C-alpha atoms as a PDB file:
ATOM      1  CA  MET A   1      23.443 -62.936  19.075  1.00  0.00           C
ATOM      2  CA  ASP A   2      24.655 -59.622  17.664  1.00  0.00           C
ATOM      3  CA  GLU A   3      21.960 -59.634  14.837  1.00  0.00           C
ATOM      4  CA  ARG A   4      19.106 -59.916  17.528  1.00  0.00           C
ATOM      5  CA  ARG A   5      20.694 -57.342  19.873  1.00  0.00           C
ATOM      6  CA  GLU A   6      20.696 -54.764  16.928  1.00  0.00           C
ATOM      7  CA  GLN A   7      17.032 -55.962  16.143  1.00  0.00           C
ATOM      8  CA  ASP A   8      16.146 -55.382  19.819  1.00  0.00           C
ATOM      9  CA  GLU A   9      17.497 -51.720  20.089  1.00  0.00           C
ATOM     10  CA  PRO A  10      14.653 -49.413  19.752  1.00  0.00           C
ATOM     11  CA  VAL A  11      14.715 -46.819  16.689  1.00  0.00           C
ATOM     12  CA  GLU A  12      15.479 -43.103  18.040  1.00  0.00           C
ATOM     13  CA  TYR A  13      14.661 -39.770  16.205  1.00  0.00           C
ATOM     14  CA  GLY A  14      16.871 -37.231  17.635  1.00  0.00           C
ATOM     15  CA  GLN A  15      16.449 -33.398  17.005  1.00  0.00           C
ATOM     16  CA  THR A  16      18.608 -31.624  14.566  1.00  0.00           C
ATOM     17  CA  ARG A  17      19.679 -28.143  13.652  1.00  0.00           C
ATOM     18  CA  TYR A  18      17.763 -25.969  11.243  1.00  0.00           C
ATOM     19  CA  LYS A  19      18.912 -26.380   7.758  1.00  0.00           C
ATOM     20  CA  ALA A  20      17.503 -23.887   4.946  1.00  0.00           C
ATOM     21  CA  PRO A  21      15.576 -25.604   2.034  1.00  0.00           C
ATOM     22  CA  ASP A  22      17.743 -26.100  -0.936  1.00  0.00           C
ATOM     23  CA  GLY A  23      17.648 -23.026  -3.244  1.00  0.00           C
ATOM     24  CA  ALA A  24      16.442 -20.525  -0.583  1.00  0.00           C
ATOM     25  CA  ALA A  25      18.119 -17.330   0.123  1.00  0.00           C
ATOM     26  CA  ASP A  26      19.516 -16.387   3.447  1.00  0.00           C
ATOM     27  CA  ILE A  27      18.555 -12.698   3.881  1.00  0.00           C
ATOM     28  CA  LEU A  28      19.792 -10.205   6.771  1.00  0.00           C
ATOM     29  CA  LEU A  29      17.754  -7.248   7.180  1.00  0.00           C
ATOM     30  CA  ILE A  30      19.893  -4.383   8.920  1.00  0.00           C
ATOM     31  CA  ARG A  31      17.965  -1.331   9.863  1.00  0.00           C
ATOM     32  CA  HIS A  32      20.304   1.784   9.224  1.00  0.00           C
ATOM     33  CA  GLY A  33      22.019   3.441  12.294  1.00  0.00           C
ATOM     34  CA  ALA A  34      20.587   6.213  14.103  1.00  0.00           C
ATOM     35  CA  SER A  35      20.230   9.188  12.084  1.00  0.00           C
ATOM     36  CA  ALA A  36      20.519  13.265  12.366  1.00  0.00           C
ATOM     37  CA  PRO A  37      17.804  14.973  14.512  1.00  0.00           C
ATOM     38  CA  ALA A  38      15.173  16.397  13.026  1.00  0.00           C
ATOM     39  CA  ARG A  39      14.956  20.433  13.552  1.00  0.00           C
ATOM     40  CA  PRO A  40      11.878  22.345  12.432  1.00  0.00           C
ATOM     41  CA  ASP A  41      14.303  25.222  10.789  1.00  0.00           C
ATOM     42  CA  ARG A  42      16.455  22.683   9.087  1.00  0.00           C
ATOM     43  CA  PRO A  43      14.258  19.757   7.133  1.00  0.00           C
ATOM     44  CA  PHE A  44      16.122  16.873   5.976  1.00  0.00           C
ATOM     45  CA  PRO A  45      16.990  17.177   1.954  1.00  0.00           C
ATOM     46  CA  LEU A  46      14.752  15.265  -0.033  1.00  0.00           C
ATOM     47  CA  VAL A  47      15.512  12.272  -2.574  1.00  0.00           C
ATOM     48  CA  ASP A  48      12.356  11.393  -4.711  1.00  0.00           C
ATOM     49  CA  GLY A  49      10.291  13.037  -2.167  1.00  0.00           C
ATOM     50  CA  GLN A  50      11.741  11.383   0.865  1.00  0.00           C
ATOM     51  CA  GLY A  51      13.654  12.695   3.771  1.00  0.00           C
ATOM     52  CA  ASP A  52      17.402  11.779   3.532  1.00  0.00           C
ATOM     53  CA  PRO A  53      19.245  12.616   6.694  1.00  0.00           C
ATOM     54  CA  GLU A  54      22.815  11.498   7.442  1.00  0.00           C
ATOM     55  CA  LEU A  55      23.985   9.514  10.009  1.00  0.00           C
ATOM     56  CA  ALA A  56      24.220  10.957  13.298  1.00  0.00           C
ATOM     57  CA  PRO A  57      27.405  10.203  15.289  1.00  0.00           C
ATOM     58  CA  GLU A  58      25.927   7.425  17.008  1.00  0.00           C
ATOM     59  CA  GLY A  59      24.732   6.087  14.080  1.00  0.00           C
ATOM     60  CA  ARG A  60      28.248   5.810  12.607  1.00  0.00           C
ATOM     61  CA  GLU A  61      29.563   4.171  15.834  1.00  0.00           C
ATOM     62  CA  GLN A  62      26.552   1.501  15.603  1.00  0.00           C
ATOM     63  CA  ALA A  63      27.660   1.132  11.676  1.00  0.00           C
ATOM     64  CA  GLU A  64      30.799   0.313  12.825  1.00  0.00           C
ATOM     65  CA  ARG A  65      29.704  -2.257  15.287  1.00  0.00           C
ATOM     66  CA  VAL A  66      27.814  -4.007  12.600  1.00  0.00           C
ATOM     67  CA  GLY A  67      30.897  -4.183  10.313  1.00  0.00           C
ATOM     68  CA  GLU A  68      32.817  -5.711  13.299  1.00  0.00           C
ATOM     69  CA  ARG A  69      29.898  -8.003  14.004  1.00  0.00           C
ATOM     70  CA  LEU A  70      29.433  -9.462  10.459  1.00  0.00           C
ATOM     71  CA  GLY A  71      32.881  -8.722   9.099  1.00  0.00           C
ATOM     72  CA  ASP A  72      34.162 -12.508   9.296  1.00  0.00           C
ATOM     73  CA  GLU A  73      30.786 -13.669   7.735  1.00  0.00           C
ATOM     74  CA  HIS A  74      30.468 -14.687   4.117  1.00  0.00           C
ATOM     75  CA  PHE A  75      27.982 -12.439   1.835  1.00  0.00           C
ATOM     76  CA  ASP A  76      27.275 -12.680  -1.621  1.00  0.00           C
ATOM     77  CA  ALA A  77      26.328  -9.247  -2.085  1.00  0.00           C
ATOM     78  CA  ILE A  78      25.471  -6.212   0.201  1.00  0.00           C
ATOM     79  CA  TYR A  79      22.143  -4.048  -0.982  1.00  0.00           C
ATOM     80  CA  VAL A  80      21.612  -0.516   0.445  1.00  0.00           C
ATOM     81  CA  THR A  81      18.521   1.714  -0.335  1.00  0.00           C
ATOM     82  CA  SER A  82      18.458   5.036  -2.432  1.00  0.00           C
ATOM     83  CA  LEU A  83      18.734   6.734   0.965  1.00  0.00           C
ATOM     84  CA  ARG A  84      22.126   7.456   2.117  1.00  0.00           C
ATOM     85  CA  ARG A  85      21.687   6.562   5.918  1.00  0.00           C
ATOM     86  CA  THR A  86      21.589   2.709   4.637  1.00  0.00           C
ATOM     87  CA  ALA A  87      24.674   3.437   2.589  1.00  0.00           C
ATOM     88  CA  GLU A  88      26.522   4.795   5.354  1.00  0.00           C
ATOM     89  CA  THR A  89      25.406   2.309   7.599  1.00  0.00           C
ATOM     90  CA  ALA A  90      26.680  -0.495   5.133  1.00  0.00           C
ATOM     91  CA  ALA A  91      30.118   1.344   4.464  1.00  0.00           C
ATOM     92  CA  PRO A  92      31.937  -0.453   7.309  1.00  0.00           C
ATOM     93  CA  LEU A  93      31.038  -3.750   6.409  1.00  0.00           C
ATOM     94  CA  ALA A  94      31.401  -3.466   2.531  1.00  0.00           C
ATOM     95  CA  ARG A  95      35.063  -2.265   3.085  1.00  0.00           C
ATOM     96  CA  ARG A  96      35.885  -5.192   5.633  1.00  0.00           C
ATOM     97  CA  LEU A  97      34.479  -7.512   3.065  1.00  0.00           C
ATOM     98  CA  GLY A  98      35.391  -5.945  -0.322  1.00  0.00           C
ATOM     99  CA  LEU A  99      32.327  -5.805  -1.713  1.00  0.00           C
ATOM    100  CA  GLU A 100      30.427  -2.971  -3.499  1.00  0.00           C
ATOM    101  CA  PRO A 101      27.054  -2.351  -2.207  1.00  0.00           C
ATOM    102  CA  ARG A 102      24.173  -2.525  -4.712  1.00  0.00           C
ATOM    103  CA  VAL A 103      21.300  -0.052  -4.549  1.00  0.00           C
ATOM    104  CA  GLU A 104      17.714  -1.562  -3.972  1.00  0.00           C
ATOM    105  CA  ALA A 105      15.866   1.344  -4.455  1.00  0.00           C
ATOM    106  CA  GLU A 106      12.171  -0.755  -4.053  1.00  0.00           C
ATOM    107  CA  LEU A 107      13.415  -1.415  -0.522  1.00  0.00           C
ATOM    108  CA  ARG A 108      13.491   2.166   0.478  1.00  0.00           C
ATOM    109  CA  GLU A 109      11.186   3.437   3.619  1.00  0.00           C
ATOM    110  CA  VAL A 110       7.616   4.114   3.430  1.00  0.00           C
ATOM    111  CA  HIS A 111       6.652   7.438   1.618  1.00  0.00           C
ATOM    112  CA  LEU A 112       5.270   9.661   4.466  1.00  0.00           C
ATOM    113  CA  GLY A 113       3.426  12.149   2.364  1.00  0.00           C
ATOM    114  CA  GLU A 114       2.929  15.577   4.023  1.00  0.00           C
ATOM    115  CA  TRP A 115       5.127  14.450   6.774  1.00  0.00           C
ATOM    116  CA  GLU A 116       8.510  13.937   4.945  1.00  0.00           C
ATOM    117  CA  GLY A 117      11.369  16.067   5.802  1.00  0.00           C
ATOM    118  CA  GLY A 118      11.684  15.169   9.414  1.00  0.00           C
ATOM    119  CA  LEU A 119       8.110  16.282  10.206  1.00  0.00           C
ATOM    120  CA  PHE A 120       6.902  12.741  11.264  1.00  0.00           C
ATOM    121  CA  ARG A 121       8.998  12.803  14.523  1.00  0.00           C
ATOM    122  CA  LYS A 122       7.779  16.118  15.406  1.00  0.00           C
ATOM    123  CA  MET A 123       4.018  14.830  14.788  1.00  0.00           C
ATOM    124  CA  VAL A 124       4.571  11.631  16.663  1.00  0.00           C
ATOM    125  CA  ALA A 125       6.119  13.703  19.501  1.00  0.00           C
ATOM    126  CA  GLU A 126       3.217  15.568  19.734  1.00  0.00           C
ATOM    127  CA  ASN A 127       0.637  12.841  19.581  1.00  0.00           C
ATOM    128  CA  GLY A 128      -2.236  14.329  17.720  1.00  0.00           C
ATOM    129  CA  PRO A 129      -5.364  12.722  16.524  1.00  0.00           C
ATOM    130  CA  VAL A 130      -3.736  11.681  13.189  1.00  0.00           C
ATOM    131  CA  VAL A 131      -0.748   9.974  14.824  1.00  0.00           C
ATOM    132  CA  GLN A 132      -3.072   8.081  17.221  1.00  0.00           C
ATOM    133  CA  ARG A 133      -5.362   7.228  14.658  1.00  0.00           C
ATOM    134  CA  LEU A 134      -2.007   6.019  12.501  1.00  0.00           C
ATOM    135  CA  PHE A 135      -1.177   3.603  15.324  1.00  0.00           C
ATOM    136  CA  ALA A 136      -4.644   2.293  16.178  1.00  0.00           C
ATOM    137  CA  GLU A 137      -5.468   1.553  12.502  1.00  0.00           C
ATOM    138  CA  GLU A 138      -1.719   0.532  11.731  1.00  0.00           C
ATOM    139  CA  ARG A 139      -1.897   2.401   8.224  1.00  0.00           C
ATOM    140  CA  TRP A 140       0.825   4.628   7.172  1.00  0.00           C
ATOM    141  CA  ASP A 141      -1.428   5.948   4.753  1.00  0.00           C
ATOM    142  CA  VAL A 142      -3.625   7.650   7.515  1.00  0.00           C
ATOM    143  CA  ILE A 143      -0.850  10.340   6.970  1.00  0.00           C
ATOM    144  CA  PRO A 144      -1.900  12.923   4.356  1.00  0.00           C
ATOM    145  CA  GLY A 145      -0.400  11.924   0.930  1.00  0.00           C
ATOM    146  CA  ALA A 146       1.626   9.028   2.396  1.00  0.00           C
ATOM    147  CA  GLU A 147       1.991   5.878   0.304  1.00  0.00           C
ATOM    148  CA  GLN A 148      -0.820   3.398   0.333  1.00  0.00           C
ATOM    149  CA  ALA A 149      -0.597   0.552   2.496  1.00  0.00           C
ATOM    150  CA  GLU A 150      -1.395  -2.394  -0.045  1.00  0.00           C
ATOM    151  CA  ALA A 151       1.188  -0.656  -2.545  1.00  0.00           C
ATOM    152  CA  PHE A 152       3.963  -0.577   0.327  1.00  0.00           C
ATOM    153  CA  ARG A 153       3.271  -4.252   1.045  1.00  0.00           C
ATOM    154  CA  ALA A 154       3.454  -5.123  -2.585  1.00  0.00           C
ATOM    155  CA  ARG A 155       6.519  -3.478  -3.334  1.00  0.00           C
ATOM    156  CA  ILE A 156       8.487  -4.954  -0.446  1.00  0.00           C
ATOM    157  CA  GLU A 157       7.158  -8.441  -1.200  1.00  0.00           C
ATOM    158  CA  LYS A 158       8.191  -7.996  -5.184  1.00  0.00           C
ATOM    159  CA  SER A 159      11.540  -6.759  -3.830  1.00  0.00           C
ATOM    160  CA  LEU A 160      12.151  -9.642  -1.763  1.00  0.00           C
ATOM    161  CA  THR A 161      11.129 -12.121  -4.037  1.00  0.00           C
ATOM    162  CA  ARG A 162      13.299 -10.811  -6.786  1.00  0.00           C
ATOM    163  CA  LEU A 163      16.668 -10.885  -4.720  1.00  0.00           C
ATOM    164  CA  ALA A 164      15.829 -14.298  -3.387  1.00  0.00           C
ATOM    165  CA  ALA A 165      15.831 -15.583  -6.999  1.00  0.00           C
ATOM    166  CA  ALA A 166      18.865 -13.743  -7.697  1.00  0.00           C
ATOM    167  CA  HIS A 167      20.634 -15.131  -4.749  1.00  0.00           C
ATOM    168  CA  ALA A 168      18.976 -18.769  -4.453  1.00  0.00           C
ATOM    169  CA  GLY A 169      21.353 -20.625  -2.133  1.00  0.00           C
ATOM    170  CA  GLY A 170      23.120 -17.639  -1.275  1.00  0.00           C
ATOM    171  CA  ARG A 171      23.432 -15.063   1.679  1.00  0.00           C
ATOM    172  CA  ILE A 172      22.891 -11.531   1.464  1.00  0.00           C
ATOM    173  CA  ALA A 173      23.025  -8.456   3.745  1.00  0.00           C
ATOM    174  CA  VAL A 174      20.283  -5.904   3.076  1.00  0.00           C
ATOM    175  CA  PHE A 175      20.881  -2.295   5.028  1.00  0.00           C
ATOM    176  CA  THR A 176      17.295  -0.845   5.046  1.00  0.00           C
ATOM    177  CA  HIS A 177      14.615   0.866   6.967  1.00  0.00           C
ATOM    178  CA  GLY A 178      12.587   0.214   9.918  1.00  0.00           C
ATOM    179  CA  GLY A 179       9.362   0.174   8.087  1.00  0.00           C
ATOM    180  CA  VAL A 180      10.700  -1.952   5.423  1.00  0.00           C
ATOM    181  CA  ILE A 181      11.666  -4.686   8.052  1.00  0.00           C
ATOM    182  CA  ALA A 182       8.397  -4.558   9.930  1.00  0.00           C
ATOM    183  CA  GLN A 183       6.497  -4.916   6.793  1.00  0.00           C
ATOM    184  CA  ALA A 184       8.516  -7.995   5.393  1.00  0.00           C
ATOM    185  CA  LEU A 185       8.295  -9.547   8.806  1.00  0.00           C
ATOM    186  CA  ALA A 186       4.521  -8.726   9.069  1.00  0.00           C
ATOM    187  CA  SER A 187       4.048 -10.352   5.763  1.00  0.00           C
ATOM    188  CA  THR A 188       5.895 -13.506   6.664  1.00  0.00           C
ATOM    189  CA  THR A 189       3.917 -14.172   9.580  1.00  0.00           C
ATOM    190  CA  GLY A 190       0.448 -12.789   8.458  1.00  0.00           C
ATOM    191  CA  ALA A 191       0.682 -10.696  11.644  1.00  0.00           C
ATOM    192  CA  ARG A 192      -0.948  -7.282  12.402  1.00  0.00           C
ATOM    193  CA  PRO A 193       0.916  -4.606   9.898  1.00  0.00           C
ATOM    194  CA  PHE A 194       2.879  -2.978  12.694  1.00  0.00           C
ATOM    195  CA  ALA A 195       3.407  -5.952  14.915  1.00  0.00           C
ATOM    196  CA  PHE A 196       7.383  -5.529  14.122  1.00  0.00           C
ATOM    197  CA  LEU A 197       7.623  -1.961  14.457  1.00  0.00           C
ATOM    198  CA  VAL A 198      10.179  -0.589  15.630  1.00  0.00           C
ATOM    199  CA  PRO A 199      13.198  -2.546  14.926  1.00  0.00           C
ATOM    200  CA  ASP A 200      16.171  -0.904  16.646  1.00  0.00           C
ATOM    201  CA  ASN A 201      18.936   1.066  14.739  1.00  0.00           C
ATOM    202  CA  ALA A 202      21.633  -1.251  13.409  1.00  0.00           C
ATOM    203  CA  SER A 203      19.612  -4.186  14.221  1.00  0.00           C
ATOM    204  CA  ILE A 204      19.789  -7.309  12.411  1.00  0.00           C
ATOM    205  CA  SER A 205      16.756  -9.418  11.554  1.00  0.00           C
ATOM    206  CA  ARG A 206      16.986 -12.595   9.510  1.00  0.00           C
ATOM    207  CA  LEU A 207      14.395 -13.977   6.588  1.00  0.00           C
ATOM    208  CA  VAL A 208      14.951 -17.412   4.905  1.00  0.00           C
ATOM    209  CA  ARG A 209      13.147 -17.060   1.611  1.00  0.00           C
ATOM    210  CA  LEU A 210      12.143 -19.495  -1.018  1.00  0.00           C
ATOM    211  CA  GLY A 211      10.350 -17.555  -3.919  1.00  0.00           C
ATOM    212  CA  GLU A 212       7.021 -16.153  -2.303  1.00  0.00           C
ATOM    213  CA  LEU A 213       7.725 -18.090   0.779  1.00  0.00           C
ATOM    214  CA  SER A 214       9.952 -17.263   3.711  1.00  0.00           C
ATOM    215  CA  SER A 215      10.414 -17.762   7.397  1.00  0.00           C
ATOM    216  CA  ILE A 216      11.864 -15.508  10.255  1.00  0.00           C
ATOM    217  CA  ARG A 217      15.117 -16.849  11.864  1.00  0.00           C
ATOM    218  CA  GLY A 218      15.850 -13.723  13.895  1.00  0.00           C
ATOM    219  CA  PHE A 219      14.591 -10.476  15.037  1.00  0.00           C
ATOM    220  CA  ASN A 220      16.138  -7.298  16.279  1.00  0.00           C
ATOM    221  CA  ASP A 221      19.361  -8.780  17.160  1.00  0.00           C
ATOM    222  CA  VAL A 222      21.233  -5.786  18.989  1.00  0.00           C
ATOM    223  CA  SER A 223      24.022  -8.067  20.809  1.00  0.00           C
ATOM    224  CA  HIS A 224      26.719  -5.991  19.163  1.00  0.00           C
ATOM    225  CA  LEU A 225      25.632  -2.705  20.440  1.00  0.00           C
ATOM    226  CA  ASP A 226      26.223  -0.919  23.507  1.00  0.00           C
ATOM    227  CA  TRP A 227      23.071   1.071  24.100  1.00  0.00           C
ATOM    228  CA  SER A 228      24.581   4.245  24.579  1.00  0.00           C
ATOM    229  CA  ALA A 229      22.307   5.946  22.281  1.00  0.00           C
ATOM    230  CA  PRO A 230      18.290   5.997  22.364  1.00  0.00           C
ATOM    231  CA  ALA A 231      17.051   4.748  18.947  1.00  0.00           C
ATOM    232  CA  PRO A 232      14.661   7.247  17.177  1.00  0.00           C
ATOM    233  CA  LEU A 233      11.520   6.139  15.493  1.00  0.00           C
ATOM    234  CA  THR A 234      12.651   6.611  11.781  1.00  0.00           C
END
């Protein structure tokens, strides 16, 4: 009787929670906090030709919120870029976890050519013909002297592939830039180049990456922020 009853019961396949593939790296992409405002009479200092503003007071508060949000999580490493706004944003989390951030220069922001040093913000605010073309064509290299679109895409992909291999099966926090996050997610989905522009300052996006293959597990999570300060474009 019991054997017949077991045989008559229907087979069921319930839904299960997502599980990353074996050997995949869990990568949190965290945009830096709001940086200092640009002023025509006080251009940003440059690092390797790129604007390097410090965090604004609201950016430092956002950095603290990121540290509080992720401070109880496990990470195998924290990465920052060669631009100080990422290191300053990572600092609260690094202190909480006792980790020394590693510099991953290849995940620095797209080079804006003649519009570096804070000029990009002014040009966007004025919305001239080049800016309109920039967003219509979704190519940073519309800006005179800016990094070529394909070169930018290639360096982001190369860096993420290398980090995923270095942390196979692990989890890392990468503090980087809006353009970088947008490019990484666009490449993952095959979307328009600017489809994910602009993630908010101090937002958290998530990639699960295995070799050159990746999937998006989260985008622009800002549940840890209070929205008291507007987010500038770069």
